[in-house]
N, C-alpha and C. Protein backbone atom coordinates (compact mmCIF):
# COMPACT_ATOMS: atom_id res chain seq x y z
N UNK A 1 34.53 6.72 -11.13
CA UNK A 1 34.52 5.93 -9.92
C UNK A 1 33.36 4.95 -9.97
N UNK A 2 33.65 3.69 -9.70
CA UNK A 2 32.62 2.66 -9.69
C UNK A 2 32.08 2.50 -8.28
N UNK A 3 30.77 2.38 -8.21
CA UNK A 3 30.13 2.16 -6.92
C UNK A 3 29.94 0.67 -6.69
N UNK A 4 29.95 0.27 -5.43
CA UNK A 4 29.73 -1.13 -5.10
C UNK A 4 28.27 -1.50 -5.36
N UNK A 5 28.01 -2.80 -5.45
CA UNK A 5 26.64 -3.26 -5.64
C UNK A 5 25.76 -2.82 -4.46
N UNK A 6 26.32 -2.83 -3.27
CA UNK A 6 25.57 -2.42 -2.08
C UNK A 6 25.19 -0.95 -2.17
N UNK A 7 26.11 -0.12 -2.60
CA UNK A 7 25.83 1.30 -2.76
C UNK A 7 24.74 1.52 -3.80
N UNK A 8 24.83 0.81 -4.91
CA UNK A 8 23.83 0.94 -5.97
C UNK A 8 22.45 0.50 -5.47
N UNK A 9 22.42 -0.58 -4.69
CA UNK A 9 21.15 -1.07 -4.15
C UNK A 9 20.55 -0.06 -3.17
N UNK A 10 21.40 0.55 -2.35
CA UNK A 10 20.91 1.56 -1.40
C UNK A 10 20.39 2.79 -2.13
N UNK A 11 21.10 3.19 -3.18
CA UNK A 11 20.66 4.35 -3.97
C UNK A 11 19.32 4.06 -4.65
N UNK A 12 19.19 2.86 -5.19
CA UNK A 12 17.93 2.49 -5.85
C UNK A 12 16.79 2.46 -4.83
N UNK A 13 17.03 1.90 -3.65
CA UNK A 13 16.01 1.85 -2.60
C UNK A 13 15.58 3.26 -2.19
N UNK A 14 16.54 4.17 -2.11
CA UNK A 14 16.21 5.56 -1.75
C UNK A 14 15.36 6.22 -2.83
N UNK A 15 15.68 5.95 -4.08
CA UNK A 15 14.88 6.48 -5.19
C UNK A 15 13.46 5.94 -5.11
N UNK A 16 13.34 4.64 -4.89
CA UNK A 16 12.01 4.02 -4.82
C UNK A 16 11.22 4.58 -3.65
N UNK A 17 11.85 4.74 -2.50
CA UNK A 17 11.16 5.26 -1.32
C UNK A 17 10.61 6.66 -1.59
N UNK A 18 11.45 7.55 -2.10
CA UNK A 18 11.02 8.93 -2.33
C UNK A 18 10.10 9.06 -3.54
N UNK A 19 10.39 8.31 -4.59
CA UNK A 19 9.51 8.34 -5.76
C UNK A 19 8.14 7.76 -5.39
N UNK A 20 8.14 6.74 -4.54
CA UNK A 20 6.87 6.17 -4.08
C UNK A 20 6.04 7.19 -3.33
N UNK A 21 6.69 7.94 -2.46
CA UNK A 21 5.99 8.99 -1.72
C UNK A 21 5.39 10.00 -2.69
N UNK A 22 6.19 10.42 -3.66
CA UNK A 22 5.74 11.40 -4.64
C UNK A 22 4.60 10.86 -5.50
N UNK A 23 4.71 9.61 -5.94
CA UNK A 23 3.65 9.00 -6.74
C UNK A 23 2.36 8.88 -5.92
N UNK A 24 2.46 8.49 -4.67
CA UNK A 24 1.26 8.35 -3.83
C UNK A 24 0.61 9.71 -3.58
N UNK A 25 1.39 10.76 -3.53
CA UNK A 25 0.83 12.10 -3.33
C UNK A 25 0.21 12.67 -4.59
N UNK A 26 0.90 12.51 -5.73
CA UNK A 26 0.46 13.18 -6.95
C UNK A 26 -0.14 12.30 -8.01
N UNK A 27 -0.02 10.99 -7.85
CA UNK A 27 -0.51 10.08 -8.88
C UNK A 27 0.51 9.91 -10.00
N UNK A 28 0.38 8.82 -10.71
CA UNK A 28 1.34 8.50 -11.77
C UNK A 28 1.37 9.58 -12.85
N UNK A 29 0.22 10.09 -13.21
CA UNK A 29 0.16 11.10 -14.27
C UNK A 29 0.31 12.52 -13.74
N UNK A 30 0.40 12.66 -12.43
CA UNK A 30 0.54 13.97 -11.82
C UNK A 30 1.97 14.41 -11.62
N UNK A 31 2.92 13.55 -11.93
CA UNK A 31 4.33 13.89 -11.75
C UNK A 31 5.13 13.25 -12.88
N UNK A 32 6.10 13.99 -13.38
CA UNK A 32 6.95 13.47 -14.45
C UNK A 32 8.22 12.86 -13.90
N UNK A 33 9.05 12.39 -14.81
CA UNK A 33 10.32 11.78 -14.43
C UNK A 33 11.20 12.79 -13.69
N UNK A 34 11.21 14.02 -14.17
CA UNK A 34 12.04 15.04 -13.49
C UNK A 34 11.56 15.25 -12.06
N UNK A 35 10.25 15.25 -11.86
CA UNK A 35 9.70 15.41 -10.52
C UNK A 35 10.04 14.22 -9.62
N UNK A 36 9.98 13.03 -10.16
CA UNK A 36 10.36 11.84 -9.38
C UNK A 36 11.84 11.90 -9.00
N UNK A 37 12.67 12.27 -9.96
CA UNK A 37 14.11 12.37 -9.70
C UNK A 37 14.38 13.44 -8.65
N UNK A 38 13.74 14.59 -8.79
CA UNK A 38 13.95 15.67 -7.82
C UNK A 38 13.52 15.25 -6.42
N UNK A 39 12.41 14.50 -6.31
CA UNK A 39 11.95 14.07 -4.99
C UNK A 39 12.96 13.14 -4.33
N UNK A 40 13.69 12.39 -5.15
CA UNK A 40 14.72 11.48 -4.62
C UNK A 40 16.09 12.15 -4.55
N UNK A 41 16.13 13.42 -4.92
CA UNK A 41 17.37 14.20 -4.92
C UNK A 41 18.45 13.56 -5.79
N UNK A 42 18.01 13.12 -6.98
CA UNK A 42 18.94 12.60 -7.98
C UNK A 42 18.60 13.26 -9.32
N UNK A 43 19.46 13.10 -10.27
CA UNK A 43 19.19 13.62 -11.60
C UNK A 43 18.27 12.65 -12.34
N UNK A 44 17.66 13.14 -13.41
CA UNK A 44 16.85 12.26 -14.24
C UNK A 44 17.71 11.14 -14.82
N UNK A 45 18.95 11.45 -15.13
CA UNK A 45 19.86 10.43 -15.63
C UNK A 45 20.11 9.33 -14.62
N UNK A 46 20.24 9.72 -13.34
CA UNK A 46 20.43 8.71 -12.29
C UNK A 46 19.18 7.84 -12.17
N UNK A 47 18.02 8.46 -12.32
CA UNK A 47 16.79 7.67 -12.26
C UNK A 47 16.76 6.68 -13.42
N UNK A 48 17.10 7.16 -14.61
CA UNK A 48 17.11 6.28 -15.79
C UNK A 48 18.22 5.23 -15.72
N UNK A 49 19.25 5.47 -14.94
CA UNK A 49 20.28 4.43 -14.82
C UNK A 49 19.79 3.27 -13.95
N UNK A 50 18.72 3.51 -13.19
CA UNK A 50 18.15 2.46 -12.35
C UNK A 50 16.85 1.88 -12.91
N UNK A 51 16.16 2.65 -13.75
CA UNK A 51 14.86 2.23 -14.26
C UNK A 51 14.75 2.57 -15.74
N UNK A 52 14.12 1.70 -16.49
CA UNK A 52 13.97 1.90 -17.94
C UNK A 52 13.06 3.08 -18.25
N UNK A 53 12.05 3.30 -17.40
CA UNK A 53 11.08 4.37 -17.63
C UNK A 53 10.28 4.61 -16.36
N UNK A 54 9.37 5.55 -16.42
CA UNK A 54 8.57 5.91 -15.24
C UNK A 54 7.69 4.75 -14.79
N UNK A 55 7.17 3.98 -15.72
CA UNK A 55 6.33 2.83 -15.35
C UNK A 55 7.13 1.78 -14.59
N UNK A 56 8.41 1.66 -14.91
CA UNK A 56 9.27 0.72 -14.16
C UNK A 56 9.44 1.18 -12.71
N UNK A 57 9.43 2.48 -12.49
CA UNK A 57 9.47 3.01 -11.12
C UNK A 57 8.19 2.62 -10.39
N UNK A 58 7.05 2.82 -11.05
CA UNK A 58 5.77 2.43 -10.46
C UNK A 58 5.77 0.94 -10.11
N UNK A 59 6.26 0.13 -11.00
CA UNK A 59 6.31 -1.31 -10.76
C UNK A 59 7.14 -1.63 -9.51
N UNK A 60 8.26 -0.98 -9.37
CA UNK A 60 9.12 -1.23 -8.20
C UNK A 60 8.48 -0.72 -6.92
N UNK A 61 7.79 0.41 -7.00
CA UNK A 61 7.07 0.92 -5.82
C UNK A 61 6.01 -0.10 -5.40
N UNK A 62 5.25 -0.60 -6.34
CA UNK A 62 4.23 -1.61 -6.04
C UNK A 62 4.88 -2.86 -5.46
N UNK A 63 5.94 -3.33 -6.09
CA UNK A 63 6.58 -4.58 -5.67
C UNK A 63 7.20 -4.49 -4.28
N UNK A 64 7.63 -3.30 -3.89
CA UNK A 64 8.32 -3.18 -2.60
C UNK A 64 7.47 -2.57 -1.50
N UNK A 65 6.44 -1.81 -1.85
CA UNK A 65 5.70 -1.08 -0.82
C UNK A 65 4.27 -1.55 -0.60
N UNK A 66 3.67 -2.21 -1.57
CA UNK A 66 2.28 -2.61 -1.40
C UNK A 66 2.17 -3.63 -0.27
N UNK A 67 1.35 -3.32 0.72
CA UNK A 67 1.09 -4.24 1.81
C UNK A 67 2.06 -4.19 2.98
N UNK A 68 3.02 -3.27 2.95
CA UNK A 68 3.99 -3.25 4.06
C UNK A 68 3.33 -2.93 5.39
N UNK A 69 2.14 -2.33 5.34
CA UNK A 69 1.42 -2.03 6.57
C UNK A 69 1.05 -3.29 7.35
N UNK A 70 1.00 -4.42 6.65
CA UNK A 70 0.57 -5.66 7.26
C UNK A 70 1.69 -6.70 7.39
N UNK A 71 2.88 -6.33 7.01
CA UNK A 71 4.00 -7.28 7.03
C UNK A 71 4.28 -7.82 8.43
N UNK A 72 4.07 -7.02 9.46
CA UNK A 72 4.34 -7.44 10.83
C UNK A 72 3.42 -8.54 11.33
N UNK A 73 2.36 -8.84 10.59
CA UNK A 73 1.43 -9.89 10.99
C UNK A 73 1.88 -11.27 10.53
N UNK A 74 2.76 -11.31 9.55
CA UNK A 74 3.20 -12.59 8.99
C UNK A 74 3.86 -13.44 10.07
N UNK A 75 3.69 -14.73 9.94
CA UNK A 75 4.33 -15.71 10.83
C UNK A 75 3.87 -15.61 12.28
N UNK A 76 2.73 -15.02 12.53
CA UNK A 76 2.17 -14.95 13.88
C UNK A 76 1.05 -15.99 13.98
N UNK A 77 0.84 -16.46 15.19
CA UNK A 77 -0.28 -17.36 15.43
C UNK A 77 -1.58 -16.58 15.22
N UNK A 78 -2.68 -17.28 14.87
CA UNK A 78 -3.93 -16.57 14.55
C UNK A 78 -4.39 -15.56 15.61
N UNK A 79 -4.35 -15.91 16.88
CA UNK A 79 -4.83 -14.98 17.91
C UNK A 79 -3.98 -13.72 17.95
N UNK A 80 -2.66 -13.89 17.88
CA UNK A 80 -1.77 -12.72 17.88
C UNK A 80 -1.94 -11.92 16.58
N UNK A 81 -2.13 -12.62 15.48
CA UNK A 81 -2.33 -11.95 14.20
C UNK A 81 -3.60 -11.10 14.25
N UNK A 82 -4.67 -11.63 14.84
CA UNK A 82 -5.91 -10.85 14.97
C UNK A 82 -5.68 -9.60 15.82
N UNK A 83 -4.97 -9.76 16.93
CA UNK A 83 -4.72 -8.61 17.80
C UNK A 83 -3.89 -7.55 17.07
N UNK A 84 -2.87 -7.98 16.38
CA UNK A 84 -2.04 -7.04 15.62
C UNK A 84 -2.82 -6.40 14.47
N UNK A 85 -3.68 -7.18 13.84
CA UNK A 85 -4.50 -6.65 12.75
C UNK A 85 -5.44 -5.57 13.27
N UNK A 86 -6.03 -5.79 14.42
CA UNK A 86 -6.92 -4.76 14.99
C UNK A 86 -6.15 -3.46 15.20
N UNK A 87 -4.94 -3.55 15.74
CA UNK A 87 -4.11 -2.35 15.93
C UNK A 87 -3.80 -1.70 14.59
N UNK A 88 -3.43 -2.52 13.60
CA UNK A 88 -3.10 -1.99 12.27
C UNK A 88 -4.29 -1.28 11.65
N UNK A 89 -5.47 -1.83 11.84
CA UNK A 89 -6.67 -1.24 11.25
C UNK A 89 -7.00 0.11 11.88
N UNK A 90 -6.75 0.25 13.16
CA UNK A 90 -6.99 1.55 13.82
C UNK A 90 -6.08 2.64 13.23
N UNK A 91 -4.87 2.25 12.90
CA UNK A 91 -3.94 3.20 12.28
C UNK A 91 -4.32 3.44 10.82
N UNK A 92 -4.65 2.37 10.11
CA UNK A 92 -4.99 2.47 8.70
C UNK A 92 -6.21 3.36 8.49
N UNK A 93 -7.23 3.16 9.31
CA UNK A 93 -8.48 3.91 9.16
C UNK A 93 -8.49 5.13 10.08
N UNK A 94 -7.41 5.89 10.00
CA UNK A 94 -7.27 7.08 10.85
C UNK A 94 -7.16 8.34 10.00
N UNK A 95 -7.38 9.49 10.65
CA UNK A 95 -7.19 10.77 9.98
C UNK A 95 -5.74 10.94 9.51
N UNK A 96 -4.81 10.46 10.30
CA UNK A 96 -3.40 10.57 9.94
C UNK A 96 -3.14 9.92 8.58
N UNK A 97 -3.65 8.70 8.39
CA UNK A 97 -3.46 8.02 7.11
C UNK A 97 -4.23 8.72 6.00
N UNK A 98 -5.43 9.17 6.31
CA UNK A 98 -6.24 9.87 5.30
C UNK A 98 -5.54 11.13 4.82
N UNK A 99 -4.94 11.85 5.74
CA UNK A 99 -4.35 13.15 5.41
C UNK A 99 -2.94 13.06 4.84
N UNK A 100 -2.30 11.92 4.89
CA UNK A 100 -0.90 11.81 4.47
C UNK A 100 -0.69 10.65 3.50
N UNK A 101 -1.22 10.78 2.28
CA UNK A 101 -1.08 9.68 1.33
C UNK A 101 0.37 9.34 0.99
N UNK A 102 1.25 10.31 1.04
CA UNK A 102 2.64 10.06 0.68
C UNK A 102 3.33 9.06 1.58
N UNK A 103 2.91 9.02 2.83
CA UNK A 103 3.49 8.06 3.78
C UNK A 103 2.53 6.91 4.06
N UNK A 104 1.47 6.81 3.28
CA UNK A 104 0.45 5.81 3.51
C UNK A 104 0.54 4.63 2.56
N UNK A 105 -0.53 3.91 2.52
CA UNK A 105 -0.65 2.68 1.75
C UNK A 105 -0.69 2.96 0.24
N UNK A 106 -0.05 2.08 -0.50
CA UNK A 106 -0.04 2.16 -1.96
C UNK A 106 -1.44 1.95 -2.54
N UNK A 107 -2.21 1.05 -1.95
CA UNK A 107 -3.47 0.63 -2.59
C UNK A 107 -4.46 1.76 -2.83
N UNK A 108 -4.81 2.59 -1.84
CA UNK A 108 -5.78 3.65 -2.15
C UNK A 108 -5.20 4.74 -3.03
N UNK A 109 -3.90 4.91 -3.01
CA UNK A 109 -3.27 6.00 -3.77
C UNK A 109 -2.98 5.64 -5.22
N UNK A 110 -2.62 4.40 -5.49
CA UNK A 110 -2.10 4.06 -6.81
C UNK A 110 -2.85 2.95 -7.55
N UNK A 111 -3.88 2.37 -6.95
CA UNK A 111 -4.57 1.26 -7.63
C UNK A 111 -5.16 1.68 -8.97
N UNK A 112 -5.73 2.86 -9.05
CA UNK A 112 -6.29 3.31 -10.33
C UNK A 112 -5.19 3.48 -11.38
N UNK A 113 -4.02 3.95 -10.95
CA UNK A 113 -2.90 4.07 -11.89
C UNK A 113 -2.40 2.70 -12.33
N UNK A 114 -2.37 1.76 -11.41
CA UNK A 114 -1.95 0.40 -11.75
C UNK A 114 -2.91 -0.21 -12.77
N UNK A 115 -4.21 0.05 -12.60
CA UNK A 115 -5.21 -0.49 -13.52
C UNK A 115 -4.98 0.00 -14.95
N UNK A 116 -4.34 1.16 -15.10
CA UNK A 116 -4.08 1.73 -16.43
C UNK A 116 -2.67 1.40 -16.92
N UNK A 117 -1.88 0.74 -16.11
CA UNK A 117 -0.48 0.45 -16.43
C UNK A 117 -0.38 -0.84 -17.26
N UNK A 118 0.85 -1.13 -17.65
CA UNK A 118 1.13 -2.31 -18.44
C UNK A 118 1.07 -3.60 -17.62
N UNK A 119 1.21 -4.69 -18.34
CA UNK A 119 1.07 -6.01 -17.74
C UNK A 119 2.07 -6.28 -16.61
N UNK A 120 3.30 -5.81 -16.73
CA UNK A 120 4.29 -6.12 -15.70
C UNK A 120 3.95 -5.42 -14.38
N UNK A 121 3.42 -4.21 -14.45
CA UNK A 121 3.01 -3.51 -13.24
C UNK A 121 1.81 -4.22 -12.62
N UNK A 122 0.86 -4.58 -13.44
CA UNK A 122 -0.34 -5.26 -12.94
C UNK A 122 0.01 -6.62 -12.34
N UNK A 123 0.98 -7.30 -12.92
CA UNK A 123 1.41 -8.59 -12.37
C UNK A 123 2.11 -8.40 -11.03
N UNK A 124 2.92 -7.38 -10.89
CA UNK A 124 3.56 -7.08 -9.60
C UNK A 124 2.48 -6.79 -8.56
N UNK A 125 1.46 -6.06 -8.94
CA UNK A 125 0.33 -5.75 -8.05
C UNK A 125 -0.39 -7.03 -7.64
N UNK A 126 -0.66 -7.90 -8.60
CA UNK A 126 -1.35 -9.16 -8.32
C UNK A 126 -0.54 -10.00 -7.32
N UNK A 127 0.76 -10.10 -7.54
CA UNK A 127 1.61 -10.89 -6.63
C UNK A 127 1.58 -10.32 -5.22
N UNK A 128 1.72 -9.01 -5.10
CA UNK A 128 1.73 -8.39 -3.77
C UNK A 128 0.36 -8.50 -3.09
N UNK A 129 -0.71 -8.37 -3.87
CA UNK A 129 -2.04 -8.53 -3.28
C UNK A 129 -2.22 -9.95 -2.76
N UNK A 130 -1.74 -10.93 -3.50
CA UNK A 130 -1.82 -12.32 -3.04
C UNK A 130 -1.04 -12.49 -1.74
N UNK A 131 0.10 -11.82 -1.63
CA UNK A 131 0.88 -11.87 -0.38
C UNK A 131 0.11 -11.26 0.78
N UNK A 132 -0.53 -10.13 0.52
CA UNK A 132 -1.30 -9.46 1.58
C UNK A 132 -2.46 -10.35 2.03
N UNK A 133 -3.16 -10.95 1.10
CA UNK A 133 -4.27 -11.84 1.45
C UNK A 133 -3.76 -13.03 2.25
N UNK A 134 -2.60 -13.56 1.88
CA UNK A 134 -2.03 -14.68 2.63
C UNK A 134 -1.68 -14.28 4.06
N UNK A 135 -1.33 -13.04 4.27
CA UNK A 135 -1.04 -12.55 5.63
C UNK A 135 -2.34 -12.33 6.41
N UNK A 136 -3.35 -11.77 5.76
CA UNK A 136 -4.60 -11.43 6.44
C UNK A 136 -5.50 -12.64 6.70
N UNK A 137 -5.55 -13.58 5.77
CA UNK A 137 -6.50 -14.69 5.85
C UNK A 137 -6.46 -15.46 7.16
N UNK A 138 -5.29 -15.81 7.70
CA UNK A 138 -5.29 -16.57 8.96
C UNK A 138 -5.90 -15.82 10.14
N UNK A 139 -6.07 -14.52 10.02
CA UNK A 139 -6.71 -13.75 11.09
C UNK A 139 -8.23 -13.79 11.00
N UNK A 140 -8.74 -14.31 9.90
CA UNK A 140 -10.18 -14.36 9.70
C UNK A 140 -10.76 -15.66 10.26
N UNK A 141 -12.05 -15.66 10.47
CA UNK A 141 -12.71 -16.87 10.98
C UNK A 141 -13.07 -17.79 9.82
N UNK A 142 -13.36 -19.03 10.17
CA UNK A 142 -13.87 -19.97 9.17
C UNK A 142 -12.80 -20.86 8.58
N UNK A 143 -13.24 -21.60 7.58
CA UNK A 143 -12.36 -22.51 6.85
C UNK A 143 -11.47 -21.69 5.92
N UNK A 144 -10.39 -22.28 5.44
CA UNK A 144 -9.44 -21.51 4.61
C UNK A 144 -10.06 -20.73 3.46
N UNK A 145 -11.00 -21.33 2.74
CA UNK A 145 -11.60 -20.60 1.61
C UNK A 145 -12.45 -19.43 2.10
N UNK A 146 -13.10 -19.60 3.26
CA UNK A 146 -13.87 -18.50 3.85
C UNK A 146 -12.93 -17.40 4.36
N UNK A 147 -11.81 -17.79 4.92
CA UNK A 147 -10.83 -16.82 5.41
C UNK A 147 -10.32 -15.95 4.27
N UNK A 148 -10.05 -16.56 3.14
CA UNK A 148 -9.58 -15.80 1.98
C UNK A 148 -10.65 -14.82 1.52
N UNK A 149 -11.89 -15.28 1.46
CA UNK A 149 -12.99 -14.41 1.04
C UNK A 149 -13.14 -13.23 2.01
N UNK A 150 -13.08 -13.50 3.31
CA UNK A 150 -13.19 -12.43 4.30
C UNK A 150 -12.00 -11.47 4.23
N UNK A 151 -10.82 -12.00 3.95
CA UNK A 151 -9.64 -11.14 3.83
C UNK A 151 -9.79 -10.19 2.65
N UNK A 152 -10.30 -10.69 1.52
CA UNK A 152 -10.54 -9.82 0.37
C UNK A 152 -11.58 -8.75 0.71
N UNK A 153 -12.64 -9.14 1.41
CA UNK A 153 -13.68 -8.18 1.77
C UNK A 153 -13.13 -7.11 2.71
N UNK A 154 -12.33 -7.52 3.68
CA UNK A 154 -11.73 -6.56 4.61
C UNK A 154 -10.82 -5.59 3.85
N UNK A 155 -9.96 -6.13 3.00
CA UNK A 155 -9.02 -5.28 2.28
C UNK A 155 -9.75 -4.29 1.37
N UNK A 156 -10.74 -4.77 0.65
CA UNK A 156 -11.51 -3.87 -0.23
C UNK A 156 -12.23 -2.80 0.58
N UNK A 157 -12.73 -3.17 1.76
CA UNK A 157 -13.43 -2.20 2.61
C UNK A 157 -12.52 -1.09 3.10
N UNK A 158 -11.34 -1.46 3.59
CA UNK A 158 -10.47 -0.43 4.16
C UNK A 158 -9.84 0.45 3.09
N UNK A 159 -9.49 -0.15 1.96
CA UNK A 159 -8.93 0.65 0.86
C UNK A 159 -10.00 1.59 0.32
N UNK A 160 -11.21 1.08 0.16
CA UNK A 160 -12.32 1.92 -0.30
C UNK A 160 -12.63 3.04 0.68
N UNK A 161 -12.56 2.73 1.97
CA UNK A 161 -12.85 3.76 2.98
C UNK A 161 -11.84 4.90 2.91
N UNK A 162 -10.57 4.57 2.80
CA UNK A 162 -9.55 5.62 2.72
C UNK A 162 -9.73 6.42 1.43
N UNK A 163 -10.01 5.74 0.33
CA UNK A 163 -10.20 6.42 -0.95
C UNK A 163 -11.37 7.40 -0.88
N UNK A 164 -12.49 6.96 -0.34
CA UNK A 164 -13.67 7.83 -0.23
C UNK A 164 -13.41 8.96 0.76
N UNK A 165 -12.83 8.65 1.91
CA UNK A 165 -12.57 9.69 2.92
C UNK A 165 -11.62 10.75 2.39
N UNK A 166 -10.65 10.36 1.56
CA UNK A 166 -9.74 11.35 0.96
C UNK A 166 -10.45 12.22 -0.05
N UNK A 167 -11.43 11.67 -0.73
CA UNK A 167 -12.15 12.45 -1.74
C UNK A 167 -13.12 13.45 -1.11
N UNK A 168 -13.56 13.16 0.09
CA UNK A 168 -14.47 14.08 0.79
C UNK A 168 -13.68 15.22 1.43
N UNK A 169 -14.32 16.37 1.63
CA UNK A 169 -13.65 17.42 2.39
C UNK A 169 -13.39 16.92 3.82
N UNK A 170 -12.32 17.40 4.42
CA UNK A 170 -12.05 17.04 5.82
C UNK A 170 -13.25 17.43 6.67
N UNK A 171 -13.54 16.60 7.64
CA UNK A 171 -14.65 16.93 8.53
C UNK A 171 -15.43 15.71 8.95
N UNK A 172 -16.64 15.96 9.40
CA UNK A 172 -17.46 14.91 9.99
C UNK A 172 -17.77 13.78 9.03
N UNK A 173 -18.06 14.09 7.78
CA UNK A 173 -18.44 13.05 6.83
C UNK A 173 -17.27 12.13 6.53
N UNK A 174 -16.09 12.69 6.31
CA UNK A 174 -14.91 11.87 6.06
C UNK A 174 -14.62 10.99 7.27
N UNK A 175 -14.75 11.56 8.45
CA UNK A 175 -14.52 10.79 9.68
C UNK A 175 -15.56 9.70 9.84
N UNK A 176 -16.80 9.98 9.45
CA UNK A 176 -17.87 8.99 9.57
C UNK A 176 -17.60 7.76 8.70
N UNK A 177 -17.03 7.98 7.52
CA UNK A 177 -16.67 6.86 6.65
C UNK A 177 -15.65 5.97 7.34
N UNK A 178 -14.60 6.58 7.86
CA UNK A 178 -13.54 5.82 8.53
C UNK A 178 -14.08 5.09 9.75
N UNK A 179 -14.89 5.77 10.55
CA UNK A 179 -15.44 5.17 11.77
C UNK A 179 -16.36 4.00 11.44
N UNK A 180 -17.20 4.17 10.43
CA UNK A 180 -18.15 3.11 10.07
C UNK A 180 -17.42 1.86 9.58
N UNK A 181 -16.43 2.04 8.74
CA UNK A 181 -15.71 0.89 8.22
C UNK A 181 -14.87 0.24 9.31
N UNK A 182 -14.27 1.04 10.17
CA UNK A 182 -13.51 0.47 11.28
C UNK A 182 -14.42 -0.39 12.16
N UNK A 183 -15.59 0.11 12.50
CA UNK A 183 -16.52 -0.67 13.33
C UNK A 183 -16.92 -1.97 12.63
N UNK A 184 -17.17 -1.89 11.34
CA UNK A 184 -17.58 -3.06 10.58
C UNK A 184 -16.47 -4.12 10.51
N UNK A 185 -15.27 -3.69 10.18
CA UNK A 185 -14.20 -4.67 10.03
C UNK A 185 -13.77 -5.24 11.38
N UNK A 186 -13.88 -4.46 12.43
CA UNK A 186 -13.54 -4.98 13.76
C UNK A 186 -14.51 -6.10 14.14
N UNK A 187 -15.76 -5.98 13.75
CA UNK A 187 -16.74 -7.02 14.03
C UNK A 187 -16.43 -8.30 13.24
N UNK A 188 -15.79 -8.16 12.10
CA UNK A 188 -15.48 -9.33 11.28
C UNK A 188 -14.25 -10.09 11.77
N UNK A 189 -13.49 -9.48 12.65
CA UNK A 189 -12.28 -10.14 13.18
C UNK A 189 -12.58 -10.60 14.60
N UNK A 190 -13.15 -11.75 14.68
CA UNK A 190 -13.51 -12.28 15.99
C UNK A 190 -12.57 -13.40 16.39
N UNK A 191 -12.48 -13.66 17.66
CA UNK A 191 -11.66 -14.76 18.15
C UNK A 191 -12.42 -16.08 18.10
N UNK A 192 -13.65 -16.01 17.65
CA UNK A 192 -14.46 -17.23 17.54
C UNK A 192 -14.18 -17.91 16.20
N UNK A 193 -14.26 -19.24 16.17
CA UNK A 193 -14.03 -19.96 14.90
C UNK A 193 -15.11 -19.70 13.89
């Protein structure tokens, strides 16, 4: 029986969604192809019918999931973008995000794996990061080049905060990291030019 292109696309999206969750939880080297397939409730053969190898799965996860936390800010006027960004940052720098990497951002969970991956994965990462910066920059103050610089600083701060908070035992110190970075980045997003 032949499946329609739409069915195949839906099946591939489901594999990417579940494999992405599994990769974010266990890391690229922490789970094999069989584990990725099992998480998506497909056979390893079905996974290979959609992807050439495990690195191709990582590439698709990066290409489709990196930065989705900020997608709702696109095409908004600067003031609305800043307000939405503040809300997004409160969620991003929360215990919920710290404790649930599988449903969280790709960047703190998989950036180290991407750094060790091949050129196509790294290029997908670069493209998506450029998209994220393009979404964040208009929410920053200053001239366009300053906005880009501030967007990079904000992104590096929040990704670093989640990474460090996850590495610490749960408790006051992990919370202090999140609170400190949230306070800092909130000060950088002003309504003043």
